[in-house]
Amino acid sequence: MSSAARVSTIGRMTDAAETRRRNRATLERALAAVGDVPAQMAHYTEDTVFEFPYATPPGRVEGKAVIAEYLTGALKIFSMKLTVTQIHETTDPDVLIAEFTSEGVVTTTGKPYANTYISVVRFRDGLICAQKEFYNPNAATEALTPDE
């Protein structure tokens, strides 16, 4: 390999490492801000997409303003704190996989709510542009269902 090719390869690796570092910091800040919708949404693109494949029915919410409205409503019901347990890198520096947990309460039932999540997160220009979140829908249903 020529020295010019070696320098080019090292430059791409450095760029990819910097992109991953930047994206990881963005993701950590966004998840830490859960509960403060404007602060959380500061880390998302205008055309961002949230997907919830395990929701009943599966859901897709598109656009920053629509997602902010969705989260505002959801966080009135689910009062919770998220804890990131692991962030995995992929071969694409603009994709991270996050594992995290939640602990809190459902305000409408008073029941505790805890769940485990895996989220595939895509980035564009240092902001989150897509988030596909997998979680246990049974935990949410149980916490949302009032005792008889």
N, C-alpha and C. Protein backbone atom coordinates (compact mmCIF):
# COMPACT_ATOMS: atom_id res chain seq x y z
N MET A 1 0.86 -1.17 0.00
CA MET A 1 0.00 0.00 0.00
C MET A 1 0.90 1.23 0.00
N SER A 2 0.60 2.15 -0.86
CA SER A 2 1.39 3.37 -0.95
C SER A 2 1.16 4.22 0.30
N SER A 3 2.07 5.13 0.56
CA SER A 3 1.91 5.99 1.74
C SER A 3 0.70 6.89 1.59
N ALA A 4 0.38 7.34 0.38
CA ALA A 4 -0.81 8.17 0.16
C ALA A 4 -2.07 7.37 0.46
N ALA A 5 -2.12 6.12 0.03
CA ALA A 5 -3.29 5.27 0.30
C ALA A 5 -3.40 5.00 1.80
N ARG A 6 -2.27 4.78 2.47
CA ARG A 6 -2.25 4.53 3.90
C ARG A 6 -2.77 5.76 4.65
N VAL A 7 -2.35 6.94 4.27
CA VAL A 7 -2.80 8.19 4.90
C VAL A 7 -4.30 8.36 4.67
N SER A 8 -4.78 8.06 3.46
CA SER A 8 -6.20 8.17 3.14
C SER A 8 -7.01 7.21 4.01
N THR A 9 -6.54 5.97 4.16
CA THR A 9 -7.23 4.98 4.99
C THR A 9 -7.25 5.42 6.45
N ILE A 10 -6.15 5.90 6.95
CA ILE A 10 -6.08 6.38 8.34
C ILE A 10 -7.01 7.57 8.53
N GLY A 11 -7.06 8.47 7.55
CA GLY A 11 -7.97 9.61 7.63
C GLY A 11 -9.42 9.18 7.72
N ARG A 12 -9.82 8.19 6.91
CA ARG A 12 -11.20 7.69 6.96
C ARG A 12 -11.50 7.03 8.30
N MET A 13 -10.52 6.28 8.84
CA MET A 13 -10.72 5.63 10.14
C MET A 13 -10.86 6.69 11.23
N THR A 14 -10.05 7.75 11.16
CA THR A 14 -10.14 8.83 12.15
C THR A 14 -11.48 9.54 12.04
N ASP A 15 -11.92 9.81 10.80
CA ASP A 15 -13.22 10.44 10.59
C ASP A 15 -14.33 9.58 11.14
N ALA A 16 -14.29 8.27 10.89
CA ALA A 16 -15.32 7.36 11.39
C ALA A 16 -15.31 7.32 12.91
N ALA A 17 -14.14 7.29 13.52
CA ALA A 17 -14.05 7.28 14.98
C ALA A 17 -14.61 8.57 15.57
N GLU A 18 -14.31 9.69 14.94
CA GLU A 18 -14.84 10.97 15.41
C GLU A 18 -16.35 11.03 15.24
N THR A 19 -16.86 10.52 14.12
CA THR A 19 -18.31 10.48 13.90
C THR A 19 -18.99 9.62 14.97
N ARG A 20 -18.43 8.45 15.26
CA ARG A 20 -19.00 7.58 16.30
C ARG A 20 -19.00 8.27 17.66
N ARG A 21 -17.88 8.94 17.98
CA ARG A 21 -17.78 9.64 19.27
C ARG A 21 -18.84 10.72 19.38
N ARG A 22 -18.98 11.51 18.33
CA ARG A 22 -19.97 12.59 18.30
C ARG A 22 -21.39 12.02 18.42
N ASN A 23 -21.67 10.97 17.66
CA ASN A 23 -23.01 10.39 17.69
C ASN A 23 -23.32 9.76 19.04
N ARG A 24 -22.36 9.11 19.63
CA ARG A 24 -22.56 8.51 20.96
C ARG A 24 -22.90 9.60 21.98
N ALA A 25 -22.17 10.70 21.95
CA ALA A 25 -22.43 11.81 22.88
C ALA A 25 -23.84 12.37 22.66
N THR A 26 -24.25 12.50 21.39
CA THR A 26 -25.60 12.98 21.08
C THR A 26 -26.63 12.04 21.65
N LEU A 27 -26.46 10.74 21.44
CA LEU A 27 -27.41 9.75 21.94
C LEU A 27 -27.48 9.78 23.47
N GLU A 28 -26.35 9.84 24.13
CA GLU A 28 -26.34 9.88 25.59
C GLU A 28 -27.05 11.12 26.12
N ARG A 29 -26.85 12.26 25.48
CA ARG A 29 -27.54 13.50 25.90
C ARG A 29 -29.04 13.40 25.66
N ALA A 30 -29.44 12.84 24.51
CA ALA A 30 -30.87 12.71 24.20
C ALA A 30 -31.57 11.81 25.21
N LEU A 31 -30.97 10.68 25.54
CA LEU A 31 -31.59 9.76 26.50
C LEU A 31 -31.59 10.33 27.91
N ALA A 32 -30.54 11.07 28.26
CA ALA A 32 -30.49 11.70 29.59
C ALA A 32 -31.56 12.77 29.74
N ALA A 33 -32.00 13.35 28.62
CA ALA A 33 -32.99 14.43 28.66
C ALA A 33 -34.43 13.93 28.67
N VAL A 34 -34.64 12.62 28.61
CA VAL A 34 -36.02 12.10 28.62
C VAL A 34 -36.75 12.65 29.84
N GLY A 35 -37.93 13.19 29.58
CA GLY A 35 -38.70 13.88 30.62
C GLY A 35 -38.74 15.38 30.36
N ASP A 36 -37.76 15.87 29.64
CA ASP A 36 -37.70 17.28 29.22
C ASP A 36 -37.73 17.26 27.69
N VAL A 37 -38.93 17.27 27.13
CA VAL A 37 -39.10 17.05 25.69
C VAL A 37 -38.31 18.06 24.85
N PRO A 38 -38.36 19.37 25.12
CA PRO A 38 -37.56 20.29 24.29
C PRO A 38 -36.06 19.98 24.33
N ALA A 39 -35.55 19.64 25.50
CA ALA A 39 -34.12 19.31 25.61
C ALA A 39 -33.81 18.02 24.86
N GLN A 40 -34.69 17.04 24.95
CA GLN A 40 -34.48 15.79 24.24
C GLN A 40 -34.53 16.02 22.73
N MET A 41 -35.51 16.77 22.26
CA MET A 41 -35.71 16.96 20.83
C MET A 41 -34.62 17.83 20.19
N ALA A 42 -33.85 18.52 21.00
CA ALA A 42 -32.73 19.32 20.47
C ALA A 42 -31.69 18.43 19.77
N HIS A 43 -31.76 17.12 19.99
CA HIS A 43 -30.78 16.19 19.45
C HIS A 43 -31.31 15.43 18.23
N TYR A 44 -32.44 15.87 17.67
CA TYR A 44 -33.09 15.17 16.56
C TYR A 44 -33.22 16.09 15.34
N THR A 45 -33.21 15.49 14.16
CA THR A 45 -33.43 16.24 12.92
C THR A 45 -34.91 16.58 12.79
N GLU A 46 -35.22 17.55 11.94
CA GLU A 46 -36.62 17.95 11.70
C GLU A 46 -37.45 16.81 11.11
N ASP A 47 -36.82 15.96 10.32
CA ASP A 47 -37.56 14.87 9.65
C ASP A 47 -37.36 13.51 10.33
N THR A 48 -37.01 13.53 11.59
CA THR A 48 -36.73 12.29 12.31
C THR A 48 -37.95 11.36 12.34
N VAL A 49 -37.67 10.08 12.53
CA VAL A 49 -38.72 9.06 12.57
C VAL A 49 -38.50 8.18 13.80
N PHE A 50 -39.55 7.95 14.57
CA PHE A 50 -39.55 6.98 15.67
C PHE A 50 -40.37 5.78 15.21
N GLU A 51 -39.85 4.58 15.44
CA GLU A 51 -40.61 3.36 15.14
C GLU A 51 -40.67 2.49 16.38
N PHE A 52 -41.84 1.88 16.59
CA PHE A 52 -42.07 1.00 17.73
C PHE A 52 -42.66 -0.31 17.20
N PRO A 53 -41.81 -1.22 16.68
CA PRO A 53 -42.31 -2.45 16.06
C PRO A 53 -43.07 -3.37 17.00
N TYR A 54 -42.80 -3.31 18.32
CA TYR A 54 -43.45 -4.22 19.25
C TYR A 54 -44.68 -3.61 19.91
N ALA A 55 -45.00 -2.37 19.61
CA ALA A 55 -46.21 -1.75 20.17
C ALA A 55 -47.43 -2.45 19.57
N THR A 56 -48.56 -2.30 20.25
CA THR A 56 -49.79 -2.88 19.75
C THR A 56 -50.76 -1.77 19.43
N PRO A 57 -51.01 -1.47 18.18
CA PRO A 57 -50.33 -2.00 16.99
C PRO A 57 -48.96 -1.34 16.84
N PRO A 58 -48.12 -1.92 15.97
CA PRO A 58 -46.82 -1.30 15.74
C PRO A 58 -46.99 0.16 15.33
N GLY A 59 -46.07 1.01 15.79
CA GLY A 59 -46.23 2.44 15.54
C GLY A 59 -45.06 3.06 14.81
N ARG A 60 -45.38 4.16 14.14
CA ARG A 60 -44.36 4.96 13.46
C ARG A 60 -44.81 6.42 13.61
N VAL A 61 -43.92 7.25 14.12
CA VAL A 61 -44.21 8.67 14.31
C VAL A 61 -43.16 9.44 13.53
N GLU A 62 -43.60 10.36 12.68
CA GLU A 62 -42.68 11.06 11.78
C GLU A 62 -42.72 12.56 12.00
N GLY A 63 -41.53 13.17 12.01
CA GLY A 63 -41.40 14.62 12.12
C GLY A 63 -41.16 15.05 13.55
N LYS A 64 -40.21 15.95 13.72
CA LYS A 64 -39.80 16.40 15.05
C LYS A 64 -40.97 16.98 15.85
N ALA A 65 -41.80 17.83 15.24
CA ALA A 65 -42.92 18.45 15.96
C ALA A 65 -43.94 17.40 16.39
N VAL A 66 -44.23 16.45 15.51
CA VAL A 66 -45.21 15.39 15.83
C VAL A 66 -44.65 14.49 16.93
N ILE A 67 -43.37 14.18 16.85
CA ILE A 67 -42.74 13.34 17.88
C ILE A 67 -42.73 14.07 19.22
N ALA A 68 -42.45 15.36 19.22
CA ALA A 68 -42.46 16.13 20.47
C ALA A 68 -43.85 16.08 21.11
N GLU A 69 -44.88 16.22 20.31
CA GLU A 69 -46.25 16.13 20.82
C GLU A 69 -46.54 14.73 21.36
N TYR A 70 -46.11 13.71 20.62
CA TYR A 70 -46.28 12.32 21.05
C TYR A 70 -45.58 12.09 22.40
N LEU A 71 -44.32 12.52 22.51
CA LEU A 71 -43.57 12.32 23.74
C LEU A 71 -44.17 13.09 24.91
N THR A 72 -44.65 14.29 24.66
CA THR A 72 -45.28 15.08 25.73
C THR A 72 -46.45 14.32 26.32
N GLY A 73 -47.29 13.75 25.46
CA GLY A 73 -48.43 12.96 25.94
C GLY A 73 -47.99 11.70 26.66
N ALA A 74 -47.04 10.98 26.07
CA ALA A 74 -46.58 9.72 26.67
C ALA A 74 -45.93 9.95 28.03
N LEU A 75 -45.17 11.04 28.15
CA LEU A 75 -44.45 11.28 29.42
C LEU A 75 -45.36 11.85 30.51
N LYS A 76 -46.58 12.22 30.15
CA LYS A 76 -47.58 12.55 31.18
C LYS A 76 -48.11 11.27 31.81
N ILE A 77 -48.05 10.18 31.07
CA ILE A 77 -48.53 8.89 31.56
C ILE A 77 -47.39 8.07 32.16
N PHE A 78 -46.26 8.03 31.46
CA PHE A 78 -45.10 7.27 31.93
C PHE A 78 -44.09 8.24 32.52
N SER A 79 -44.04 8.30 33.84
CA SER A 79 -43.04 9.12 34.53
C SER A 79 -41.87 8.18 34.83
N MET A 80 -40.73 8.38 34.13
CA MET A 80 -39.66 7.40 34.27
C MET A 80 -38.29 8.01 34.05
N LYS A 81 -37.31 7.25 34.48
CA LYS A 81 -35.91 7.60 34.28
C LYS A 81 -35.30 6.47 33.46
N LEU A 82 -34.49 6.84 32.48
CA LEU A 82 -33.80 5.85 31.66
C LEU A 82 -32.35 5.71 32.12
N THR A 83 -31.86 4.50 32.05
CA THR A 83 -30.46 4.22 32.36
C THR A 83 -29.85 3.47 31.18
N VAL A 84 -28.86 4.06 30.55
CA VAL A 84 -28.17 3.39 29.44
C VAL A 84 -27.26 2.32 30.02
N THR A 85 -27.41 1.09 29.54
CA THR A 85 -26.57 0.00 30.04
C THR A 85 -25.45 -0.37 29.08
N GLN A 86 -25.67 -0.09 27.77
CA GLN A 86 -24.65 -0.45 26.78
C GLN A 86 -24.94 0.30 25.48
N ILE A 87 -23.89 0.73 24.82
CA ILE A 87 -24.01 1.28 23.47
C ILE A 87 -23.04 0.50 22.59
N HIS A 88 -23.59 -0.04 21.51
CA HIS A 88 -22.80 -0.86 20.59
C HIS A 88 -22.56 -0.09 19.29
N GLU A 89 -21.34 -0.15 18.81
CA GLU A 89 -21.01 0.44 17.52
C GLU A 89 -21.31 -0.57 16.43
N THR A 90 -21.54 -0.06 15.22
CA THR A 90 -21.75 -0.92 14.06
C THR A 90 -20.69 -0.57 13.01
N THR A 91 -20.73 -1.24 11.90
CA THR A 91 -19.76 -0.93 10.83
C THR A 91 -20.04 0.44 10.22
N ASP A 92 -21.26 0.93 10.36
CA ASP A 92 -21.63 2.26 9.87
C ASP A 92 -21.48 3.26 11.03
N PRO A 93 -20.61 4.26 10.92
CA PRO A 93 -20.41 5.19 12.04
C PRO A 93 -21.65 6.02 12.36
N ASP A 94 -22.64 6.03 11.46
CA ASP A 94 -23.87 6.78 11.71
C ASP A 94 -25.01 5.90 12.22
N VAL A 95 -24.66 4.71 12.73
CA VAL A 95 -25.65 3.82 13.36
C VAL A 95 -25.07 3.30 14.67
N LEU A 96 -25.84 3.46 15.73
CA LEU A 96 -25.49 2.89 17.04
C LEU A 96 -26.67 2.06 17.53
N ILE A 97 -26.37 1.07 18.36
CA ILE A 97 -27.41 0.28 19.00
C ILE A 97 -27.28 0.50 20.49
N ALA A 98 -28.36 0.96 21.09
CA ALA A 98 -28.35 1.28 22.52
C ALA A 98 -29.21 0.28 23.28
N GLU A 99 -28.71 -0.13 24.43
CA GLU A 99 -29.49 -0.91 25.38
C GLU A 99 -29.71 -0.01 26.59
N PHE A 100 -30.97 0.04 27.06
CA PHE A 100 -31.25 0.85 28.24
C PHE A 100 -32.45 0.29 28.98
N THR A 101 -32.61 0.74 30.20
CA THR A 101 -33.72 0.31 31.04
C THR A 101 -34.49 1.54 31.50
N SER A 102 -35.72 1.30 31.91
CA SER A 102 -36.52 2.39 32.49
C SER A 102 -37.05 1.93 33.84
N GLU A 103 -37.21 2.91 34.71
CA GLU A 103 -37.88 2.70 36.00
C GLU A 103 -38.72 3.91 36.27
N GLY A 104 -39.95 3.65 36.70
CA GLY A 104 -40.83 4.77 37.00
C GLY A 104 -42.20 4.30 37.40
N VAL A 105 -43.18 5.13 37.07
CA VAL A 105 -44.55 4.84 37.45
C VAL A 105 -45.48 5.31 36.34
N VAL A 106 -46.60 4.60 36.20
CA VAL A 106 -47.65 5.05 35.28
C VAL A 106 -48.58 5.94 36.10
N THR A 107 -48.68 7.19 35.71
CA THR A 107 -49.41 8.17 36.52
C THR A 107 -50.91 7.90 36.58
N THR A 108 -51.47 7.25 35.56
CA THR A 108 -52.91 7.00 35.53
C THR A 108 -53.34 5.83 36.40
N THR A 109 -52.41 4.92 36.71
CA THR A 109 -52.74 3.75 37.54
C THR A 109 -51.98 3.73 38.86
N GLY A 110 -50.89 4.48 38.93
CA GLY A 110 -50.04 4.44 40.11
C GLY A 110 -49.14 3.21 40.16
N LYS A 111 -49.20 2.40 39.13
CA LYS A 111 -48.40 1.16 39.10
C LYS A 111 -46.96 1.45 38.69
N PRO A 112 -46.04 0.67 39.24
CA PRO A 112 -44.65 0.81 38.82
C PRO A 112 -44.49 0.36 37.37
N TYR A 113 -43.54 0.98 36.70
CA TYR A 113 -43.24 0.61 35.32
C TYR A 113 -41.73 0.45 35.18
N ALA A 114 -41.34 -0.69 34.67
CA ALA A 114 -39.93 -0.95 34.39
C ALA A 114 -39.88 -1.74 33.09
N ASN A 115 -38.91 -1.42 32.26
CA ASN A 115 -38.79 -2.12 30.99
C ASN A 115 -37.33 -2.13 30.56
N THR A 116 -37.05 -2.96 29.58
CA THR A 116 -35.73 -3.06 28.97
C THR A 116 -35.90 -2.78 27.49
N TYR A 117 -35.00 -2.01 26.93
CA TYR A 117 -35.12 -1.55 25.55
C TYR A 117 -33.85 -1.83 24.76
N ILE A 118 -34.03 -2.04 23.47
CA ILE A 118 -32.93 -2.01 22.51
C ILE A 118 -33.38 -1.05 21.43
N SER A 119 -32.53 -0.12 21.10
CA SER A 119 -32.88 0.90 20.13
C SER A 119 -31.80 1.00 19.06
N VAL A 120 -32.23 0.90 17.80
CA VAL A 120 -31.33 1.10 16.68
C VAL A 120 -31.47 2.58 16.30
N VAL A 121 -30.37 3.30 16.40
CA VAL A 121 -30.41 4.76 16.24
C VAL A 121 -29.53 5.16 15.06
N ARG A 122 -30.13 5.93 14.15
CA ARG A 122 -29.41 6.43 12.96
C ARG A 122 -29.20 7.94 13.10
N PHE A 123 -28.06 8.39 12.59
CA PHE A 123 -27.67 9.80 12.72
C PHE A 123 -27.42 10.41 11.36
N ARG A 124 -27.64 11.72 11.29
CA ARG A 124 -27.27 12.50 10.13
C ARG A 124 -26.73 13.84 10.64
N ASP A 125 -25.52 14.15 10.25
CA ASP A 125 -24.89 15.42 10.63
C ASP A 125 -24.89 15.63 12.15
N GLY A 126 -24.66 14.55 12.89
CA GLY A 126 -24.54 14.65 14.34
C GLY A 126 -25.84 14.68 15.10
N LEU A 127 -26.97 14.56 14.39
CA LEU A 127 -28.28 14.53 15.05
C LEU A 127 -28.96 13.19 14.76
N ILE A 128 -29.87 12.80 15.64
CA ILE A 128 -30.61 11.56 15.45
C ILE A 128 -31.68 11.79 14.37
N CYS A 129 -31.68 10.92 13.36
CA CYS A 129 -32.68 11.05 12.28
C CYS A 129 -33.66 9.88 12.27
N ALA A 130 -33.37 8.82 13.01
CA ALA A 130 -34.29 7.69 13.11
C ALA A 130 -33.97 6.89 14.36
N GLN A 131 -35.03 6.41 15.01
CA GLN A 131 -34.86 5.60 16.21
C GLN A 131 -35.92 4.50 16.18
N LYS A 132 -35.46 3.26 16.12
CA LYS A 132 -36.36 2.11 16.12
C LYS A 132 -36.19 1.43 17.48
N GLU A 133 -37.26 1.44 18.27
CA GLU A 133 -37.18 1.03 19.67
C GLU A 133 -37.93 -0.28 19.90
N PHE A 134 -37.22 -1.25 20.44
CA PHE A 134 -37.78 -2.56 20.77
C PHE A 134 -37.87 -2.66 22.29
N TYR A 135 -39.03 -3.05 22.80
CA TYR A 135 -39.24 -3.18 24.24
C TYR A 135 -40.31 -4.23 24.48
N ASN A 136 -40.51 -4.59 25.74
CA ASN A 136 -41.51 -5.58 26.11
C ASN A 136 -42.87 -4.89 26.23
N PRO A 137 -43.77 -5.09 25.29
CA PRO A 137 -45.07 -4.42 25.36
C PRO A 137 -45.93 -4.93 26.53
N ASN A 138 -45.66 -6.14 27.00
CA ASN A 138 -46.43 -6.68 28.12
C ASN A 138 -46.20 -5.88 29.39
N ALA A 139 -44.98 -5.42 29.60
CA ALA A 139 -44.68 -4.61 30.80
C ALA A 139 -45.49 -3.31 30.77
N ALA A 140 -45.58 -2.70 29.58
CA ALA A 140 -46.34 -1.45 29.45
C ALA A 140 -47.83 -1.72 29.65
N THR A 141 -48.36 -2.77 29.04
CA THR A 141 -49.79 -3.11 29.17
C THR A 141 -50.15 -3.37 30.62
N GLU A 142 -49.32 -4.11 31.31
CA GLU A 142 -49.57 -4.44 32.71
C GLU A 142 -49.59 -3.17 33.57
N ALA A 143 -48.64 -2.28 33.34
CA ALA A 143 -48.58 -1.05 34.15
C ALA A 143 -49.74 -0.10 33.82
N LEU A 144 -50.22 -0.15 32.59
CA LEU A 144 -51.32 0.72 32.17
C LEU A 144 -52.70 0.21 32.58
N THR A 145 -52.80 -1.07 32.90
CA THR A 145 -54.10 -1.68 33.24
C THR A 145 -54.42 -1.48 34.72
N PRO A 146 -55.53 -0.79 35.01
CA PRO A 146 -55.89 -0.58 36.42
C PRO A 146 -56.23 -1.90 37.11
N ASP A 147 -55.92 -1.96 38.39
CA ASP A 147 -56.34 -3.12 39.19
C ASP A 147 -57.85 -3.10 39.31
N GLU A 148 -58.43 -4.27 39.36
CA GLU A 148 -59.89 -4.34 39.48
C GLU A 148 -60.35 -4.29 40.90
